[in-house]
C-alpha atoms as a PDB file:
ATOM      1  CA  MET A   1     202.165 168.484 -90.378  1.00  0.00           C
ATOM      2  CA  ALA A   2     198.577 167.664 -90.322  1.00  0.00           C
ATOM      3  CA  HIS A   3     197.415 171.402 -89.608  1.00  0.00           C
ATOM      4  CA  ILE A   4     199.504 172.616 -92.429  1.00  0.00           C
ATOM      5  CA  ARG A   5     197.660 170.300 -94.608  1.00  0.00           C
ATOM      6  CA  HIS A   6     194.225 171.084 -93.593  1.00  0.00           C
ATOM      7  CA  PHE A   7     194.958 174.712 -93.969  1.00  0.00           C
ATOM      8  CA  ALA A   8     196.243 174.227 -97.553  1.00  0.00           C
ATOM      9  CA  ARG A   9     193.118 172.297 -98.315  1.00  0.00           C
ATOM     10  CA  GLN A  10     190.711 174.840 -96.525  1.00  0.00           C
ATOM     11  CA  HIS A  11     192.381 177.705 -98.517  1.00  0.00           C
ATOM     12  CA  ARG A  12     193.317 176.195-101.713  1.00  0.00           C
ATOM     13  CA  HIS A  13     191.738 178.231-104.213  1.00  0.00           C
ATOM     14  CA  THR A  14     193.284 181.641-102.303  1.00  0.00           C
ATOM     15  CA  LEU A  15     196.300 180.113-102.189  1.00  0.00           C
ATOM     16  CA  MET A  16     196.369 178.869-105.942  1.00  0.00           C
ATOM     17  CA  LYS A  17     195.199 182.378-107.060  1.00  0.00           C
ATOM     18  CA  THR A  18     197.956 183.668-104.676  1.00  0.00           C
ATOM     19  CA  GLY A  19     200.540 181.990-106.550  1.00  0.00           C
ATOM     20  CA  SER A  20     199.342 182.649-109.835  1.00  0.00           C
ATOM     21  CA  TYR A  21     199.375 186.417-108.827  1.00  0.00           C
ATOM     22  CA  TYR A  22     203.014 185.972-107.667  1.00  0.00           C
ATOM     23  CA  LEU A  23     204.483 184.724-110.899  1.00  0.00           C
ATOM     24  CA  THR A  24     202.653 187.568-112.920  1.00  0.00           C
ATOM     25  CA  HIS A  25     204.013 190.342-110.538  1.00  0.00           C
ATOM     26  CA  ILE A  26     207.487 188.668-110.766  1.00  0.00           C
ATOM     27  CA  THR A  27     207.267 188.651-114.569  1.00  0.00           C
ATOM     28  CA  VAL A  28     205.930 192.419-114.322  1.00  0.00           C
ATOM     29  CA  ALA A  29     208.181 193.465-111.822  1.00  0.00           C
ATOM     30  CA  ALA A  30     211.365 192.166-113.391  1.00  0.00           C
ATOM     31  CA  GLY A  31     210.455 194.039-116.689  1.00  0.00           C
ATOM     32  CA  VAL A  32     209.875 197.113-115.362  1.00  0.00           C
ATOM     33  CA  ALA A  33     213.051 196.982-113.004  1.00  0.00           C
ATOM     34  CA  TYR A  34     214.871 196.089-115.966  1.00  0.00           C
ATOM     35  CA  ALA A  35     213.585 198.932-118.159  1.00  0.00           C
ATOM     36  CA  VAL A  36     214.614 201.376-115.144  1.00  0.00           C
ATOM     37  CA  THR A  37     217.865 199.974-114.179  1.00  0.00           C
ATOM     38  CA  GLY A  38     219.303 198.513-117.171  1.00  0.00           C
ATOM     39  CA  ASP A  39     220.883 196.090-114.864  1.00  0.00           C
ATOM     40  CA  LEU A  40     219.847 192.217-115.194  1.00  0.00           C
ATOM     41  CA  TRP A  41     220.936 191.466-111.597  1.00  0.00           C
ATOM     42  CA  ALA A  42     219.216 194.293-110.011  1.00  0.00           C
ATOM     43  CA  ALA A  43     216.111 193.538-111.824  1.00  0.00           C
ATOM     44  CA  LEU A  44     215.708 190.056-110.863  1.00  0.00           C
ATOM     45  CA  THR A  45     216.719 190.967-107.091  1.00  0.00           C
ATOM     46  CA  LEU A  46     213.911 193.699-106.981  1.00  0.00           C
ATOM     47  CA  SER A  47     211.341 191.420-108.884  1.00  0.00           C
ATOM     48  CA  LEU A  48     211.851 188.526-106.396  1.00  0.00           C
ATOM     49  CA  LEU A  49     211.868 190.631-103.373  1.00  0.00           C
ATOM     50  CA  GLU A  50     209.145 192.868-103.959  1.00  0.00           C
ATOM     51  CA  PRO A  51     206.544 190.497-105.184  1.00  0.00           C
ATOM     52  CA  THR A  52     207.502 187.773-102.135  1.00  0.00           C
ATOM     53  CA  VAL A  53     206.055 190.354 -99.709  1.00  0.00           C
ATOM     54  CA  GLN A  54     203.161 191.256-101.949  1.00  0.00           C
ATOM     55  CA  ALA A  55     202.037 187.762-102.226  1.00  0.00           C
ATOM     56  CA  GLY A  56     202.124 187.408 -98.478  1.00  0.00           C
ATOM     57  CA  VAL A  57     200.102 190.704 -98.365  1.00  0.00           C
ATOM     58  CA  TYR A  58     197.667 189.602-101.005  1.00  0.00           C
ATOM     59  CA  PHE A  59     196.656 186.379 -99.415  1.00  0.00           C
ATOM     60  CA  PHE A  60     195.704 187.851 -96.094  1.00  0.00           C
ATOM     61  CA  HIS A  61     193.883 190.792 -98.380  1.00  0.00           C
ATOM     62  CA  GLU A  62     191.710 188.064 -99.900  1.00  0.00           C
ATOM     63  CA  ARG A  63     190.966 186.257 -96.611  1.00  0.00           C
ATOM     64  CA  ALA A  64     189.852 189.686 -95.030  1.00  0.00           C
ATOM     65  CA  TRP A  65     187.676 190.383 -98.157  1.00  0.00           C
ATOM     66  CA  ALA A  66     186.036 186.877 -97.892  1.00  0.00           C
ATOM     67  CA  ARG A  67     185.192 187.343 -94.318  1.00  0.00           C
ATOM     68  CA  HIS A  68     183.845 190.778 -95.093  1.00  0.00           C
ATOM     69  CA  GLY A  69     181.569 189.458 -97.770  1.00  0.00           C
ATOM     70  CA  ALA A  70     180.597 186.435 -95.741  1.00  0.00           C
ATOM     71  CA  GLY A  71     179.266 188.766 -92.919  1.00  0.00           C
END
């Protein structure tokens, strides 16, 4: 548990930015999916699945850019 807290403190800014991006992405994805499908259930499912995967990828993308910029 201490390891998780240390990780969260060390990467606080990136985790908060990732969370903000995640919520924005869900909102946009739900709107687009509903516009395309006309089905609320499908729109909600798609809008939760794809951004969840993207949020994880985004976090590691940000970490890679931070390392590249620091070098």
